N, C-alpha and C. Protein backbone atom coordinates (compact mmCIF):
# COMPACT_ATOMS: atom_id res chain seq x y z
N MET A 1 1.04 -1.57 0.07
CA MET A 1 0.02 -0.10 -0.39
C MET A 1 1.23 1.30 0.19
N GLU A 2 0.29 2.16 -0.75
CA GLU A 2 1.13 3.14 -0.63
C GLU A 2 1.11 3.98 0.77
N SER A 3 2.48 5.08 0.41
CA SER A 3 2.06 5.46 2.06
C SER A 3 1.20 6.31 2.54
N TRP A 4 1.47 7.82 0.81
CA TRP A 4 0.10 8.39 0.63
C TRP A 4 -1.25 8.16 0.65
N ARG A 5 -1.77 7.60 0.35
CA ARG A 5 -3.11 6.51 1.07
C ARG A 5 -3.20 6.66 2.19
N VAL A 6 -2.18 6.08 3.36
CA VAL A 6 -2.27 6.45 4.36
C VAL A 6 -2.29 7.37 5.05
N ILE A 7 -1.51 7.73 4.47
CA ILE A 7 -1.47 9.83 5.09
C ILE A 7 -2.66 10.64 4.89
N ALA A 8 -3.32 10.59 3.88
CA ALA A 8 -4.88 10.78 2.91
C ALA A 8 -5.52 11.00 3.97
N THR A 9 -5.60 8.73 4.42
CA THR A 9 -6.77 8.54 5.01
C THR A 9 -6.35 8.37 7.24
N VAL A 10 -5.76 9.40 6.79
CA VAL A 10 -5.03 9.63 8.53
C VAL A 10 -5.28 10.42 8.87
N LEU A 11 -5.71 11.53 7.90
CA LEU A 11 -5.70 13.22 7.49
C LEU A 11 -7.25 13.10 7.09
N LEU A 12 -8.30 12.49 6.87
CA LEU A 12 -9.30 11.80 6.40
C LEU A 12 -9.85 11.59 7.56
N ALA A 13 -9.76 10.41 8.48
CA ALA A 13 -10.22 10.03 9.57
C ALA A 13 -10.11 11.31 10.39
N ALA A 14 -9.07 12.04 10.70
CA ALA A 14 -9.01 12.82 11.72
C ALA A 14 -9.64 14.34 11.48
N ALA A 15 -9.93 14.26 10.72
CA ALA A 15 -10.44 15.69 10.39
C ALA A 15 -12.09 15.06 10.07
N GLY A 16 -13.04 13.66 9.98
CA GLY A 16 -13.16 13.00 9.75
C GLY A 16 -14.71 12.84 11.70
N ILE A 17 -13.95 12.87 12.20
CA ILE A 17 -14.12 12.47 13.16
C ILE A 17 -14.84 14.15 14.08
N VAL A 18 -13.83 14.76 13.87
CA VAL A 18 -14.39 16.20 14.14
C VAL A 18 -16.04 16.47 13.77
N LEU A 19 -15.94 15.87 12.25
CA LEU A 19 -16.93 16.33 11.72
C LEU A 19 -18.09 15.90 11.50
N VAL A 20 -18.17 14.87 12.27
CA VAL A 20 -18.95 13.69 12.93
C VAL A 20 -19.61 14.33 14.93
N LEU A 21 -18.71 14.74 15.11
CA LEU A 21 -19.03 15.26 16.38
C LEU A 21 -19.76 16.40 16.20
N LEU A 22 -18.97 17.78 15.59
CA LEU A 22 -19.57 18.37 15.25
C LEU A 22 -21.19 18.83 14.22
N THR A 23 -20.94 17.68 13.52
CA THR A 23 -22.74 17.12 12.86
C THR A 23 -23.65 16.94 13.86
N MET A 24 -23.32 16.18 15.14
CA MET A 24 -23.78 15.78 15.66
C MET A 24 -24.28 16.74 17.55
N ALA A 25 -23.15 17.70 17.33
CA ALA A 25 -23.93 18.97 17.75
C ALA A 25 -24.37 20.21 17.29
N LYS A 26 -24.43 20.16 16.14
CA LYS A 26 -25.59 20.81 14.86
C LYS A 26 -26.95 21.16 15.29
N THR A 27 -27.12 19.18 14.81
CA THR A 27 -27.69 18.50 15.07
C THR A 27 -28.86 18.50 16.27
N ARG A 28 -28.04 18.70 17.75
CA ARG A 28 -28.68 18.28 19.28
C ARG A 28 -28.88 19.87 19.23
N ASP A 29 -28.15 21.23 19.03
CA ASP A 29 -28.37 22.44 18.91
C ASP A 29 -29.95 22.94 17.99
N ARG A 30 -30.73 21.89 17.11
CA ARG A 30 -31.30 22.76 16.61
C ARG A 30 -32.83 22.50 17.14
N ARG A 31 -34.05 23.02 16.59
CA ARG A 31 -35.03 23.09 18.50
C ARG A 31 -35.68 21.75 17.91
N GLY A 32 -35.99 21.25 18.95
CA GLY A 32 -37.20 20.34 18.34
C GLY A 32 -36.54 18.55 18.98
N ALA A 33 -35.17 18.49 18.44
CA ALA A 33 -34.40 17.27 17.91
C ALA A 33 -34.11 16.39 19.16
N THR A 34 -34.55 15.39 19.09
CA THR A 34 -34.85 14.40 20.25
C THR A 34 -32.93 13.91 20.11
N GLY A 35 -32.80 12.92 20.71
CA GLY A 35 -31.62 12.44 21.12
C GLY A 35 -31.85 11.14 19.92
N GLY A 36 -32.30 10.38 19.69
CA GLY A 36 -32.67 9.35 18.41
C GLY A 36 -31.95 9.77 17.19
N GLN A 37 -32.42 10.64 16.63
CA GLN A 37 -32.18 12.46 15.76
C GLN A 37 -30.79 12.03 15.61
N VAL A 38 -30.29 12.89 16.44
CA VAL A 38 -28.66 12.80 17.23
C VAL A 38 -28.29 11.59 16.31
N ALA A 39 -28.77 10.69 16.99
CA ALA A 39 -27.54 9.06 16.86
C ALA A 39 -27.71 8.91 15.91
N ILE A 40 -29.39 9.47 15.00
CA ILE A 40 -29.15 8.68 13.72
C ILE A 40 -28.23 9.58 12.99
N ASN A 41 -28.50 10.73 12.52
CA ASN A 41 -27.05 11.58 12.47
C ASN A 41 -26.01 11.68 12.31
N GLY A 42 -25.53 11.37 13.98
CA GLY A 42 -23.79 10.30 13.72
C GLY A 42 -24.09 10.02 12.75
N ALA A 43 -24.41 8.04 12.94
CA ALA A 43 -24.01 7.01 12.57
C ALA A 43 -24.29 7.61 11.15
N ILE A 44 -25.45 8.49 10.20
CA ILE A 44 -25.23 8.62 8.62
C ILE A 44 -23.53 9.03 8.76
N ALA A 45 -23.08 10.07 9.11
CA ALA A 45 -21.95 10.65 9.28
C ALA A 45 -20.33 10.01 9.00
N PHE A 46 -20.88 8.86 10.38
CA PHE A 46 -19.64 8.35 10.37
C PHE A 46 -19.75 7.19 9.21
N THR A 47 -20.50 6.56 9.33
CA THR A 47 -21.05 5.52 7.84
C THR A 47 -20.06 6.28 6.51
N VAL A 48 -20.59 7.24 5.98
CA VAL A 48 -20.48 8.39 5.26
C VAL A 48 -18.48 8.62 5.28
N LEU A 49 -17.84 8.35 5.82
CA LEU A 49 -16.56 8.91 6.78
C LEU A 49 -15.81 7.84 6.26
N VAL A 50 -16.52 6.24 7.14
CA VAL A 50 -15.85 5.13 6.94
C VAL A 50 -15.44 4.61 5.29
N VAL A 51 -16.55 4.86 4.58
CA VAL A 51 -17.18 4.25 3.11
C VAL A 51 -16.03 5.34 2.61
N LEU A 52 -15.68 6.68 2.93
CA LEU A 52 -14.51 7.77 1.84
C LEU A 52 -12.97 7.17 2.30
N ALA A 53 -13.40 6.70 3.91
CA ALA A 53 -11.72 6.25 4.36
C ALA A 53 -11.20 4.99 3.59
N VAL A 54 -12.51 4.18 3.14
CA VAL A 54 -11.80 2.98 2.70
C VAL A 54 -11.49 2.86 0.69
N LEU A 55 -12.45 3.92 0.61
CA LEU A 55 -12.22 4.35 -0.77
C LEU A 55 -11.03 4.51 -0.85
N THR A 56 -10.45 6.01 0.25
CA THR A 56 -9.49 5.96 -0.23
C THR A 56 -8.52 5.50 0.09
N LEU A 57 -8.20 4.38 1.32
CA LEU A 57 -7.01 3.16 0.82
C LEU A 57 -7.11 2.01 -0.77
N THR A 58 -8.35 2.26 -1.27
CA THR A 58 -7.98 1.32 -1.63
C THR A 58 -7.98 1.60 -3.22
N THR A 59 -8.80 2.67 -3.11
CA THR A 59 -9.91 2.85 -5.55
C THR A 59 -9.59 3.85 -6.03
N LEU A 60 -9.59 5.17 -4.88
CA LEU A 60 -9.46 6.03 -6.24
C LEU A 60 -8.28 6.99 -5.71
N ALA A 61 -8.61 8.29 -7.09
CA ALA A 61 -7.09 8.45 -7.45
C ALA A 61 -7.05 9.41 -7.12
N PRO A 62 -5.63 10.04 -7.17
CA PRO A 62 -4.97 10.69 -6.05
C PRO A 62 -5.74 11.82 -6.37
N THR A 63 -5.83 12.28 -6.96
CA THR A 63 -6.07 13.66 -7.24
C THR A 63 -7.31 13.82 -6.66
N VAL A 64 -8.57 12.94 -6.68
CA VAL A 64 -10.01 12.80 -5.89
C VAL A 64 -9.10 13.03 -4.69
N VAL A 65 -8.46 11.83 -4.31
CA VAL A 65 -8.51 11.75 -2.57
C VAL A 65 -7.75 13.30 -2.33
N TRP A 66 -7.02 13.88 -2.70
CA TRP A 66 -6.33 14.77 -2.02
C TRP A 66 -7.36 16.09 -1.91
N ILE A 67 -8.68 16.14 -3.06
CA ILE A 67 -9.62 16.59 -2.90
C ILE A 67 -10.34 16.79 -1.81
N VAL A 68 -10.75 15.24 -1.72
CA VAL A 68 -11.78 15.19 -0.49
C VAL A 68 -11.53 15.01 0.93
N VAL A 69 -9.84 15.06 0.67
CA VAL A 69 -9.66 15.33 2.18
C VAL A 69 -9.29 16.71 2.21
N GLY A 70 -9.18 17.51 1.58
CA GLY A 70 -9.28 19.37 1.45
C GLY A 70 -10.46 19.55 1.74
N VAL A 71 -11.82 18.84 1.12
CA VAL A 71 -13.21 19.92 1.18
C VAL A 71 -12.92 18.86 3.08
N VAL A 72 -12.97 18.22 3.10
CA VAL A 72 -13.62 17.49 4.53
C VAL A 72 -12.85 18.54 5.38
N VAL A 73 -11.68 18.54 5.53
CA VAL A 73 -10.31 19.81 6.46
C VAL A 73 -11.19 20.97 6.46
N LEU A 74 -11.11 21.53 5.09
CA LEU A 74 -11.99 23.25 4.71
C LEU A 74 -13.55 22.80 5.56
N ALA A 75 -13.97 22.09 5.72
CA ALA A 75 -15.64 22.16 6.54
C ALA A 75 -15.38 21.88 7.61
N VAL A 76 -14.76 21.41 8.42
CA VAL A 76 -14.29 21.29 9.42
C VAL A 76 -13.67 22.46 10.75
N GLY A 77 -12.73 23.43 9.08
CA GLY A 77 -12.91 24.78 9.68
C GLY A 77 -13.27 25.24 9.39
N VAL A 78 -14.68 24.92 8.53
CA VAL A 78 -16.06 26.56 8.58
C VAL A 78 -16.75 26.23 10.10
N MET A 79 -16.47 24.84 9.59
CA MET A 79 -17.96 24.52 10.54
C MET A 79 -16.91 25.14 12.47
N MET A 80 -15.55 25.04 12.38
CA MET A 80 -15.42 25.64 13.87
C MET A 80 -15.24 26.85 14.52
N LEU A 81 -15.37 27.31 13.07
CA LEU A 81 -15.02 29.52 13.40
C LEU A 81 -16.30 29.75 13.60
N ALA A 82 -17.70 28.22 12.32
CA ALA A 82 -18.90 29.61 12.95
C ALA A 82 -20.05 29.17 13.65
N SER A 83 -19.55 27.70 14.87
CA SER A 83 -19.64 27.78 15.87
C SER A 83 -19.37 28.19 17.13
């Protein structure tokens, strides 16, 4: 396995976990959101993160991988600044 794939996956996972937690917090802060809705949104976000990580490790082209990592890191940065 190429080392750049492992590095990209680690970066994606680190930013993705923060993004999952931020998504859950935003859902909780919504008016009328129940604990079940928060858990469902967290599970969906985590599933998307796992699928992206597996695709990063296995099949995606280098350009696509780094674009995905950049978008996730950018989204985390924007959400952190907005909260």
